[in-house]
Every structure is written in C-alpha cells, then in structure tokens.
Protein backbone atom coordinates (compact mmCIF):
# COMPACT_ATOMS: atom_id res chain seq x y z
CA PHE A 1 25.80 -37.43 42.25
CA TYR A 2 25.54 -40.92 40.28
CA PHE A 3 27.38 -42.56 37.55
CA LYS A 4 26.53 -43.55 33.97
CA ARG A 5 28.79 -45.40 31.49
CA GLY A 6 29.13 -44.45 27.97
CA GLY A 7 28.14 -40.93 28.46
CA ALA A 8 24.93 -38.65 29.50
CA ALA A 9 22.51 -41.35 27.82
CA GLY A 10 24.77 -44.13 28.92
CA GLU A 11 23.55 -47.03 31.50
CA MET A 12 23.53 -46.18 35.37
CA LEU A 13 25.67 -47.78 37.63
CA LYS A 14 23.35 -48.79 40.22
CA ASP A 15 24.81 -52.18 42.28
CA GLU A 16 27.58 -50.20 44.23
CA GLN A 17 29.28 -54.11 45.33
CA GLN A 18 29.61 -55.18 41.52
CA ALA A 19 33.37 -55.08 40.72
CA LEU A 20 34.63 -52.40 37.86
CA GLY A 21 35.39 -55.51 35.50
CA ALA A 22 32.35 -57.33 35.86
CA LEU A 23 30.94 -54.30 34.33
CA GLY A 24 32.99 -54.63 31.60
CA LEU A 25 35.05 -51.43 31.95
CA GLY A 26 38.16 -51.10 30.16
CA GLU A 27 41.00 -48.65 29.48
CA GLY A 28 39.17 -45.61 27.72
CA SER A 29 35.66 -46.31 29.22
CA VAL A 30 33.73 -43.49 29.84
CA LEU A 31 32.04 -42.58 32.94
CA HIS A 32 29.73 -39.61 33.29
CA LEU A 33 28.96 -37.91 36.68
CA GLN A 34 25.63 -36.59 37.33
CA PRO A 35 23.82 -34.24 39.92
CA GLY A 36 20.97 -36.40 41.31
CA ALA A 37 20.14 -39.14 43.59
CA GLY A 38 20.80 -42.31 41.96
CA CYS A 39 19.02 -45.77 41.61
CA ALA A 40 19.29 -48.57 42.96
CA PRO A 41 19.05 -52.04 41.34
CA GLY A 42 15.57 -52.54 40.49
CA GLU A 43 14.56 -49.08 39.90
CA VAL A 44 14.39 -46.77 37.28
CA LEU A 45 15.20 -43.17 35.97
CA LEU A 46 12.07 -41.47 34.59
CA ARG A 47 11.67 -38.39 33.32
CA PHE A 48 8.54 -36.65 33.68
CA GLU A 49 7.42 -33.51 31.37
CA VAL A 50 4.73 -31.65 31.18
CA ASP A 51 3.19 -30.04 27.83
CA VAL A 52 3.03 -26.60 28.07
CA ALA A 53 2.22 -24.89 24.71
CA ASP A 54 2.09 -26.12 21.12
CA GLY A 55 4.07 -29.61 21.63
CA SER A 56 6.72 -28.31 23.58
CA PHE A 57 7.72 -30.19 26.89
CA ALA A 58 9.35 -28.88 30.18
CA LEU A 59 10.88 -31.12 32.76
CA LEU A 60 9.01 -31.55 35.96
CA GLU A 61 11.53 -34.06 37.57
CA GLU A 62 13.80 -36.97 37.14
CA LEU A 63 12.91 -39.33 39.80
CA GLY A 64 14.05 -42.88 40.62
CA VAL A 65 11.49 -45.36 41.04
CA PRO A 66 10.99 -49.32 41.55
CA GLU A 67 10.50 -50.69 38.00
CA ARG A 68 7.57 -53.07 39.35
CA LEU A 69 5.45 -49.86 40.91
CA SER A 70 2.00 -49.83 39.32
CA ILE A 71 0.94 -46.67 37.29
CA ALA A 72 -1.75 -46.08 39.94
CA GLN A 73 1.33 -45.58 42.82
CA LEU A 74 3.03 -43.76 40.40
CA LYS A 75 0.45 -41.26 39.59
CA LYS A 76 -0.45 -41.16 43.61
CA GLU A 77 3.06 -40.44 44.19
CA LEU A 78 3.29 -37.49 41.44
CA CYS A 79 0.08 -35.98 42.41
CA GLU A 80 1.47 -35.90 46.46
CA ARG A 81 4.56 -34.04 45.00
CA TRP A 82 2.72 -31.60 42.65
CA ALA A 83 3.07 -28.70 44.73
CA GLY A 84 7.04 -28.66 43.93
CA TYR A 85 5.99 -28.76 40.24
CA ALA A 86 4.45 -24.82 40.90
CA ALA A 87 7.13 -23.28 39.01
CA VAL A 88 7.06 -25.36 35.71
CA VAL A 89 3.19 -26.14 35.47
CA GLY A 90 2.48 -22.49 35.53
CA ALA A 91 -1.59 -22.22 35.28
CA LEU A 92 -2.22 -26.02 34.32
CA PRO A 93 -4.78 -27.35 36.89
CA THR A 94 -3.82 -28.67 40.54
CA PRO A 95 -4.74 -32.38 40.33
CA ALA A 96 -7.03 -33.14 43.42
CA SER A 97 -6.05 -37.12 43.39
CA PRO A 98 -3.73 -39.59 41.23
CA GLN A 99 -7.64 -40.08 38.79
CA HIS A 100 -7.24 -36.37 37.96
CA LEU A 101 -3.65 -37.08 36.04
CA ARG A 102 -3.10 -38.56 33.13
CA LEU A 103 0.44 -40.26 32.10
CA ARG A 104 1.72 -41.11 28.38
CA ASP A 105 4.54 -42.84 27.01
CA LEU A 106 6.55 -39.65 25.42
CA LYS A 107 8.72 -41.24 22.36
CA GLY A 108 10.89 -39.16 19.69
CA GLY A 109 8.69 -36.23 21.29
CA LYS A 110 5.53 -37.79 20.70
CA ALA A 111 2.70 -39.00 22.91
CA GLY A 112 1.94 -42.13 22.60
CA GLY A 113 -1.02 -44.67 24.63
CA ILE A 114 -2.10 -44.01 27.80
CA LEU A 115 -0.37 -45.89 30.26
CA ARG A 116 -3.47 -47.65 32.62
CA ASP A 117 -3.63 -47.39 36.05
CA GLU A 118 -3.39 -51.21 36.87
CA ARG A 119 -0.31 -51.87 34.40
CA VAL A 120 2.83 -52.29 36.06
CA LEU A 121 6.13 -49.88 34.25
CA SER A 122 8.49 -53.05 33.44
CA ARG A 123 5.31 -54.32 31.41
CA CYS A 124 3.93 -51.27 29.86
CA LEU A 125 6.96 -49.32 28.97
CA LEU A 126 9.16 -51.85 27.03
CA PRO A 127 11.89 -51.54 27.02
CA LEU A 128 11.98 -49.89 30.11
CA SER A 129 15.30 -48.13 30.45
CA ASP A 130 16.63 -44.72 32.40
CA GLY A 131 15.80 -41.52 31.16
CA ARG A 132 12.43 -42.80 29.60
CA ARG A 133 10.42 -40.04 29.30
CA LEU A 134 6.75 -39.74 30.28
CA LEU A 135 4.13 -36.70 29.76
CA VAL A 136 2.64 -36.04 32.40
CA THR A 137 -1.21 -34.45 31.65
CA PRO A 138 -3.26 -32.67 35.35
CA LEU A 139 -6.95 -33.34 34.20
CA ARG A 140 -10.08 -30.87 35.50
CA ASP A 141 -12.24 -34.17 35.58
CA ALA A 142 -11.36 -37.49 37.43
CA GLU A 143 -10.42 -40.35 34.53
CA LYS A 144 -10.65 -44.05 34.95
CA LEU A 145 -10.73 -45.95 32.24
CA GLY A 146 -12.16 -49.54 32.67
CA GLU A 147 -10.85 -52.80 30.60
CA LYS A 148 -13.65 -52.30 28.21
CA GLU A 149 -12.87 -48.92 27.20
CA LEU A 150 -10.31 -47.41 24.92
CA MET A 151 -9.01 -43.80 24.44
CA VAL A 152 -8.64 -42.60 20.92
CA SER A 153 -7.45 -38.55 19.64
CA VAL A 154 -10.34 -37.18 17.21
CA ARG A 155 -9.09 -34.10 15.36
CA CYS A 156 -11.62 -31.94 13.22
CA LEU A 157 -10.14 -31.50 9.74
CA SER A 158 -12.00 -28.94 7.16
CA TYR A 159 -9.91 -28.85 3.49
CA MET A 160 -12.66 -26.61 2.40
CA HIS A 161 -11.57 -24.36 5.06
CA LYS A 162 -8.02 -25.31 5.86
CA ALA A 163 -8.47 -25.82 9.24
CA LEU A 164 -7.04 -28.52 11.45
CA GLN A 165 -8.38 -28.65 15.44
CA PRO A 166 -6.05 -29.68 17.83
CA PRO A 167 -6.57 -33.65 18.75
CA LYS A 168 -9.55 -34.05 21.49
CA ASP A 169 -8.98 -37.47 23.84
CA VAL A 170 -12.67 -39.10 23.73
CA ILE A 171 -13.01 -42.34 25.48
CA LEU A 172 -15.26 -44.98 23.89
CA SER A 173 -16.19 -48.14 24.55
CA ARG A 174 -15.16 -51.32 22.78
CA GLN A 175 -17.84 -52.61 21.95
CA LEU A 176 -19.13 -49.58 20.09
CA SER A 177 -20.60 -50.12 16.46
CA VAL A 178 -19.12 -47.64 14.09
CA ARG A 179 -22.66 -46.14 13.75
CA GLU A 180 -22.80 -45.60 17.16
CA LEU A 181 -19.10 -43.96 17.11
CA PHE A 182 -20.39 -41.57 14.11
CA GLN A 183 -23.14 -40.57 16.14
CA GLN A 184 -21.10 -40.04 19.56
CA LEU A 185 -18.75 -37.96 17.81
CA LEU A 186 -21.24 -35.73 15.81
CA GLU A 187 -22.83 -34.91 19.48
CA LEU A 188 -19.14 -33.99 20.95
CA PHE A 189 -18.29 -32.13 17.86
CA GLN A 190 -21.47 -30.15 17.46
CA ASP A 191 -19.79 -26.59 17.31
CA PHE A 192 -17.12 -27.52 14.96
CA LEU A 193 -19.70 -28.95 12.42
CA ARG A 194 -21.91 -25.85 13.22
CA GLU A 195 -19.40 -23.48 12.39
CA PHE A 196 -18.68 -24.90 8.79
CA SER A 197 -22.11 -25.85 8.08
CA ALA A 198 -22.76 -22.38 8.38
CA GLU A 199 -20.47 -20.50 5.85
C-alpha cells in the first residue's frame, strides 16, 4: 500500500523519513490509501495502457520506475513483463524484443509523439508526475528511429466518398523533400488510391 495526499490524483508520499509537518500536512488534510507498491524518492508511478479497440484503452499495469530511466531500458522491462499481460492484450502480438514495442505519451486520451529509445523519462515527459499515462503498442516488425528520422501519422481522406481511414504511422527521413514525400506516400497508399480512382 502507499499514500497519496489530496486524493487519488494527488502526490505520492515517497520519502518515509520526511516529517509530516515538512510536507505541509495540517488539520483536515486528505490522505488517500491505495493498494500497490509505492515509489521511492527519485521514482515515478506510471500507468501503462494498450489500445484494445477504436481508441479505447486497457490498463496493463501501474509500475514505479526511476525518473532517470531511458526509454530503451523501460521498453526492455515491459518486454520482460509481457507474459503477465496476456489477459489484457489478447490477440495483440507478443514483442520479440524491446524494438518490437512503441511507447507514446497518452495525454487526454490521445496518443502523442513517440518516445525515442535514447531519451530519459524525466527529459521527455514534462512535467513528469505520478499517474502519467503511456500507450504501449506491440509491433510485428522491429522499429528503430534514427536521429535523422521522424514518424508521422497519415490518414487517407476522400470527401466524395465520405471515407476517412484510420491513421497509419510512417517513418520518414528529415531530409526528404515534399516531392519525395509525395512519391513515397503514393507508393504506400496505392490500394486506397486505386479503390477510389476506379469508381
């Protein structure tokens, strides 16, 4: 069990040696007792979730991790714990390695940018606080983003046919010209273009 001050969404009390007066607790202060392992100073409690269907998320686990942990180390930890998530992940692929997992910040129920392997939690999730939600996506193919690459989400849209496809993540070189981008996307989405140009 662990304590949070100010209710379920409040700050976790991590330093067991700290006096209550130093924490600013007074008459009528609210403490919330929750099941689970607490965090030590220098650690943060993160919520790892997976996309189960149409933008709804299921909790994999709440896990206390060091604030200075790299994303690569965090992915390795999640990969090792994956067997314990079987009841939640269902038919999602089992990651063969940490490069078969993608992590994103999950703010307001929307997936943010990809967290790169070389980054450190305390630097890429600002402000870093307990209860921060991360989206975990298992991948069929290994993924490694280089410094000169970026990932964008592309959605194919046809106003005439009132069709909007789900987003598809595409890795691109930062040096790509707009013309080269256009050619690459035409090749990637040939099926969509063929389907609507045939009608």
